[in-house]
Amino acid sequence: MPRYRLLIEYDGAPFVGWQRQTNGRAVQQAIEEAVTAFCGEAVTVNGAGRTDAGVHALGQVSHIDLARDWPADTVRDAINAHLRPEPVSILTVDAVGDDFDARFSAIRRHYRFVIVNRRAPLALSAGRAWQVMKALDAEAMHEAGQVLVGHHDFTTFRSTECQSASPVKTLDRLDVRREGEEIVVEVSARSFLHNQVRSFVGSLKQVGEGKWTSEDLKAALEAKDRKACGPVAPPDGLYLVQVDYPG
């Protein structure tokens, strides 16, 4: 049975998240319905990451198995045709071996969070960034964020609804930089806990506003207590940017 890898871009605002749910429309559901409309097959679209409601993707990866061997470009164009007018786009499709798994073959995931740091209301970025009106110190946020890099128990930055077997993860990178009125937070790890990135950003905002120091963030991490986390950032500014695989 031929297997295909899909590279996907989507605006998460109208969806309940990546994963199919009973309480609304999911990105996974939209793609599965488009595949069925294209080739008549009921398939499961297996994704590399289960983004939450309102979270966007520039480089989500999934795989599907089809009964017929189609040209990869035909699969891409046909799915996109049936996705309209959903804000979902299949960027590329590649034929892969049956040993490829979008979720379990992944070796690193990269997320970006965008804050627009200004007082004027958002027009073009509304729903795609978190507006923070109070001036933020991006350098202080970056410096403090380095205490989170490495192998830690991230219970403080884990949703109480997280289904991961362990709160222990290894964070490979956390960078914060200012680009004009935008503050961009980039994080990379093999895998993340539920709400981990949004919890990081909410706590780093406390640092940027001068309410917390690096030591306060370190104390929150070491507390291993969800109550020690700062306010969780909204989903609007979060993007799954890229998923890495061997080779």
Protein backbone atom coordinates (compact mmCIF):
# COMPACT_ATOMS: atom_id res chain seq x y z
CA MET A 1 0.00 0.00 0.00
CA PRO A 2 1.68 3.26 -1.13
CA ARG A 3 2.50 5.76 1.62
CA TYR A 4 2.74 9.51 1.11
CA ARG A 5 4.26 12.23 3.26
CA LEU A 6 2.35 15.54 3.27
CA LEU A 7 3.82 18.93 4.22
CA ILE A 8 0.95 21.11 5.43
CA GLU A 9 0.29 24.78 6.14
CA TYR A 10 -2.83 25.97 7.95
CA ASP A 11 -4.49 28.78 9.82
CA GLY A 12 -5.66 27.19 13.06
CA ALA A 13 -8.18 29.90 13.98
CA PRO A 14 -11.37 28.17 12.73
CA PHE A 15 -10.39 24.71 13.98
CA VAL A 16 -10.59 22.90 17.33
CA GLY A 17 -7.02 21.78 16.74
CA TRP A 18 -5.20 19.24 14.60
CA GLN A 19 -6.81 16.10 16.02
CA ARG A 20 -10.33 15.02 15.08
CA GLN A 21 -12.74 15.75 17.96
CA THR A 22 -16.46 15.66 18.70
CA ASN A 23 -16.76 19.33 19.66
CA GLY A 24 -15.94 20.93 16.31
CA ARG A 25 -14.04 20.74 13.05
CA ALA A 26 -10.38 19.70 13.11
CA VAL A 27 -7.59 20.09 10.56
CA GLN A 28 -7.15 16.32 10.42
CA GLN A 29 -10.84 15.90 9.64
CA ALA A 30 -10.74 18.47 6.84
CA ILE A 31 -7.82 16.71 5.14
CA GLU A 32 -9.31 13.24 5.58
CA GLU A 33 -12.56 14.39 3.97
CA ALA A 34 -10.62 15.94 1.07
CA VAL A 35 -8.72 12.68 0.51
CA THR A 36 -11.98 10.72 0.48
CA ALA A 37 -13.50 13.17 -2.00
CA PHE A 38 -10.43 12.77 -4.23
CA CYS A 39 -10.05 8.99 -4.34
CA GLY A 40 -13.05 7.52 -2.52
CA GLU A 41 -10.91 6.01 0.25
CA ALA A 42 -11.52 6.48 3.99
CA VAL A 43 -8.07 7.21 5.41
CA THR A 44 -6.46 8.31 8.66
CA VAL A 45 -4.16 11.31 8.32
CA ASN A 46 -1.38 10.75 10.87
CA GLY A 47 0.22 14.01 12.01
CA ALA A 48 3.60 14.80 13.52
CA GLY A 49 2.10 17.03 16.21
CA ARG A 50 -1.31 17.62 17.75
CA THR A 51 -1.59 21.39 17.67
CA ASP A 52 -4.25 22.96 19.91
CA ALA A 53 -7.27 25.01 18.90
CA GLY A 54 -6.16 28.27 17.29
CA VAL A 55 -2.54 27.17 16.75
CA HIS A 56 -1.17 27.54 13.23
CA ALA A 57 1.30 25.53 11.14
CA LEU A 58 3.85 26.45 8.52
CA GLY A 59 5.30 22.95 8.32
CA GLN A 60 3.06 20.29 9.84
CA VAL A 61 3.89 16.82 8.50
CA SER A 62 1.55 13.87 8.11
CA HIS A 63 1.37 10.58 6.26
CA ILE A 64 -1.43 8.70 4.53
CA ASP A 65 -1.70 5.25 2.97
CA LEU A 66 -3.61 4.90 -0.28
CA ALA A 67 -4.66 1.76 -2.14
CA ARG A 68 -3.54 3.06 -5.54
CA ASP A 69 -0.11 4.31 -6.57
CA TRP A 70 -0.73 7.94 -7.58
CA PRO A 71 1.83 10.50 -8.80
CA ALA A 72 2.76 12.64 -5.78
CA ASP A 73 1.85 15.92 -7.51
CA THR A 74 -1.58 14.52 -8.38
CA VAL A 75 -2.19 13.69 -4.71
CA ARG A 76 -1.17 17.21 -3.68
CA ASP A 77 -3.27 19.01 -6.28
CA ALA A 78 -6.33 16.81 -5.82
CA ILE A 79 -6.38 17.17 -2.03
CA ASN A 80 -5.93 20.94 -2.31
CA ALA A 81 -8.79 21.15 -4.79
CA HIS A 82 -11.13 19.44 -2.35
CA LEU A 83 -9.88 21.45 0.65
CA ARG A 84 -11.13 24.75 -0.75
CA PRO A 85 -12.17 27.05 0.88
CA GLU A 86 -10.63 25.69 4.10
CA PRO A 87 -7.52 27.65 5.24
CA VAL A 88 -5.40 24.52 4.76
CA SER A 89 -2.81 23.92 2.05
CA ILE A 90 -0.85 20.80 1.16
CA LEU A 91 2.51 22.30 0.17
CA THR A 92 4.26 19.15 -1.01
CA VAL A 93 3.61 15.41 -1.26
CA ASP A 94 6.33 12.77 -1.46
CA ALA A 95 6.13 9.00 -1.82
CA VAL A 96 7.87 7.35 1.15
CA GLY A 97 8.53 3.87 2.44
CA ASP A 98 6.16 2.17 4.85
CA ASP A 99 8.77 2.56 7.60
CA PHE A 100 8.14 6.32 7.64
CA ASP A 101 5.80 7.54 10.39
CA ALA A 102 5.05 11.26 10.60
CA ARG A 103 4.89 11.16 14.39
CA PHE A 104 7.26 8.42 15.52
CA SER A 105 10.00 8.98 12.91
CA ALA A 106 10.37 12.65 13.87
CA ILE A 107 13.59 13.57 15.66
CA ARG A 108 12.92 17.26 16.35
CA ARG A 109 10.06 19.74 16.25
CA HIS A 110 10.43 23.51 15.90
CA TYR A 111 7.84 26.00 17.14
CA ARG A 112 7.66 29.79 16.83
CA PHE A 113 5.63 32.20 18.94
CA VAL A 114 5.04 35.75 17.68
CA ILE A 115 4.29 38.66 20.01
CA VAL A 116 3.42 42.06 18.58
CA ASN A 117 4.65 44.57 21.16
CA ARG A 118 2.76 47.80 20.46
CA ARG A 119 -0.21 49.81 21.67
CA ALA A 120 -2.03 50.23 18.32
CA PRO A 121 -4.59 47.49 17.60
CA LEU A 122 -3.67 44.66 15.27
CA ALA A 123 -5.15 44.74 11.78
CA LEU A 124 -3.19 42.32 9.59
CA SER A 125 -1.85 40.21 12.47
CA ALA A 126 -5.11 39.82 14.39
CA GLY A 127 -5.56 36.14 15.23
CA ARG A 128 -1.99 35.38 14.16
CA ALA A 129 0.00 37.00 16.97
CA TRP A 130 -0.33 37.90 20.65
CA GLN A 131 -0.54 41.64 21.20
CA VAL A 132 1.23 42.87 24.32
CA MET A 133 0.97 46.63 24.84
CA LYS A 134 3.48 47.05 27.67
CA ALA A 135 7.08 47.36 26.48
CA LEU A 136 8.98 44.07 26.70
CA ASP A 137 12.72 43.54 27.16
CA ALA A 138 13.51 40.82 24.62
CA GLU A 139 17.13 40.50 25.75
CA ALA A 140 16.05 39.80 29.33
CA MET A 141 13.53 37.25 28.05
CA HIS A 142 16.21 35.47 26.04
CA GLU A 143 18.69 35.43 28.94
CA ALA A 144 16.10 34.10 31.37
CA GLY A 145 14.88 31.53 28.88
CA GLN A 146 18.23 29.74 28.91
CA VAL A 147 17.41 28.26 32.34
CA LEU A 148 14.74 26.20 30.55
CA VAL A 149 17.16 24.70 28.01
CA GLY A 150 18.28 21.17 28.78
CA HIS A 151 16.83 18.05 30.40
CA HIS A 152 14.24 18.97 33.03
CA ASP A 153 11.03 18.01 34.76
CA PHE A 154 8.67 20.53 33.13
CA THR A 155 5.66 19.90 35.36
CA THR A 156 5.31 23.66 35.97
CA PHE A 157 4.90 24.28 32.23
CA ARG A 158 2.60 21.34 31.52
CA SER A 159 -1.17 21.48 31.15
CA THR A 160 -3.10 19.60 33.81
CA GLU A 161 -4.79 17.82 30.87
CA CYS A 162 -1.47 16.66 29.37
CA GLN A 163 -1.52 12.96 28.51
CA SER A 164 2.25 12.48 28.21
CA ALA A 165 3.58 9.61 30.32
CA SER A 166 6.31 11.80 31.83
CA PRO A 167 6.86 15.54 32.41
CA VAL A 168 10.59 15.10 31.76
CA LYS A 169 11.71 16.46 28.39
CA THR A 170 14.85 17.84 26.79
CA LEU A 171 14.56 21.36 25.40
CA ASP A 172 17.26 21.82 22.75
CA ARG A 173 16.86 25.54 22.08
CA LEU A 174 14.98 28.62 23.23
CA ASP A 175 15.79 31.90 21.50
CA VAL A 176 14.05 35.27 21.90
CA ARG A 177 14.71 38.16 19.54
CA ARG A 178 13.13 41.47 18.65
CA GLU A 179 12.33 42.29 15.02
CA GLY A 180 10.95 45.81 15.06
CA GLU A 181 7.69 45.69 16.98
CA GLU A 182 7.64 41.89 16.94
CA ILE A 183 9.20 39.64 19.55
CA VAL A 184 9.83 36.15 18.22
CA VAL A 185 10.34 33.14 20.47
CA GLU A 186 11.84 30.04 18.80
CA VAL A 187 11.96 26.66 20.55
CA SER A 188 13.17 23.23 19.45
CA ALA A 189 12.91 19.78 21.03
CA ARG A 190 12.25 16.19 20.07
CA SER A 191 8.78 16.49 21.62
CA PHE A 192 6.74 18.84 23.77
CA LEU A 193 4.20 18.58 26.55
CA HIS A 194 0.65 19.90 26.15
CA ASN A 195 0.71 23.72 26.41
CA GLN A 196 4.45 23.72 27.12
CA VAL A 197 5.42 26.41 24.62
CA ARG A 198 2.50 28.70 25.50
CA SER A 199 3.37 28.26 29.19
CA PHE A 200 6.99 29.21 28.48
CA VAL A 201 5.94 32.34 26.59
CA GLY A 202 3.49 33.46 29.27
CA SER A 203 6.19 33.17 31.92
CA LEU A 204 8.80 34.88 29.73
CA LYS A 205 6.38 37.79 29.30
CA GLN A 206 6.57 38.24 33.07
CA VAL A 207 10.34 38.60 32.67
CA GLY A 208 10.00 40.99 29.74
CA GLU A 209 7.72 43.26 31.75
CA GLY A 210 10.15 43.29 34.68
CA LYS A 211 7.80 41.36 36.98
CA TRP A 212 10.10 38.30 37.09
CA THR A 213 13.87 37.81 37.02
CA SER A 214 15.83 34.87 35.66
CA GLU A 215 15.93 33.53 39.19
CA ASP A 216 12.13 33.70 39.42
CA LEU A 217 11.82 31.68 36.22
CA LYS A 218 14.35 29.15 37.52
CA ALA A 219 12.41 28.88 40.79
CA ALA A 220 9.19 28.28 38.85
CA LEU A 221 10.88 25.46 36.89
CA GLU A 222 12.30 23.89 40.03
CA ALA A 223 8.95 24.10 41.83
CA LYS A 224 7.56 21.36 39.55
CA ASP A 225 4.15 22.83 40.31
CA ARG A 226 1.66 24.06 37.71
CA LYS A 227 0.62 26.85 40.09
CA ALA A 228 4.12 28.36 39.76
CA CYS A 229 3.64 28.99 36.01
CA GLY A 230 2.94 32.48 34.71
CA PRO A 231 -0.26 33.19 32.75
CA VAL A 232 -0.44 30.92 29.70
CA ALA A 233 -0.08 32.75 26.37
CA PRO A 234 -3.02 32.52 23.93
CA PRO A 235 -2.77 30.19 20.91
CA ASP A 236 -2.95 32.99 18.32
CA GLY A 237 0.81 33.54 18.05
CA LEU A 238 1.95 29.91 18.04
CA TYR A 239 3.17 28.15 14.87
CA LEU A 240 4.48 24.65 14.21
CA VAL A 241 7.29 25.68 11.88
CA GLN A 242 9.18 22.52 10.98
CA VAL A 243 9.54 18.82 11.79
CA ASP A 244 12.91 17.12 11.28
CA TYR A 245 13.48 13.52 10.24
CA PRO A 246 16.61 11.39 9.85
CA GLY A 247 18.45 12.08 6.62
